[in-house]
């Protein structure tokens, strides 16, 4: 998903929010990388007005990745951006699906909507889940609105390249959902005993079976075990 990261970093609406994906960098480097990403986007599209009809071959993607790395080296920003780059490069729709499903279960639990398996969880576990969840999601930016409200010409252009004007913001939200769920689980490890965590993981598994009507152990990522 490096293509999408490059598009995201090229936008004006996301410029003040790079720290949300773990990039903390001074403004001069930031703007330099933003402008460089715009050149890479133009090279990716090669005049095509629809990303999905452009050249998406492995060879082109590899070339784009090499250009992005060269851009980071030019601005001496490899150390600041490498973690986010590696994260987006390794993402897949299956990994994002796992975060989506587990987030959905958690929201059901926090809001008291979870049936059957949810009622079997100890009150202490449910209370700590609610506290940790609220801390991770307090004041989360509303990127779909921020994206749509931008009036810059470049942002209007990038909105036109994808399936819908909100595609890039929706993908960002999916990545942040994964990032926040990982942070949420790290917090829970400090709040709950190993036995309580095992009970909670079993509950997530049961909720997945309840919703999908099949056992999907692949939707429980290794960091939850």
Foldseek 3Di string as FASTA:
>chain_A
DLLLVLLQLLDPLCLVPPCLLQFDDDPVLSVQSNVLSVVLNCVQQVPPLANVPTDPDPVSVVVSVVSSVVSCVVSVNCVRCVVSSVLVVPDDVLLLVLLVLLVVVLVCLLVVNDPDLSVPADPQLSVLSNVLVCVLPPPDDPQQVSLVPDDDPSSVSSCRHYPHSRPSVVVVVSSSSSVSVLVSLVSVPVRDDPVSLVSVLVSSQVVCCVVVVDGDPVSVDPSSD
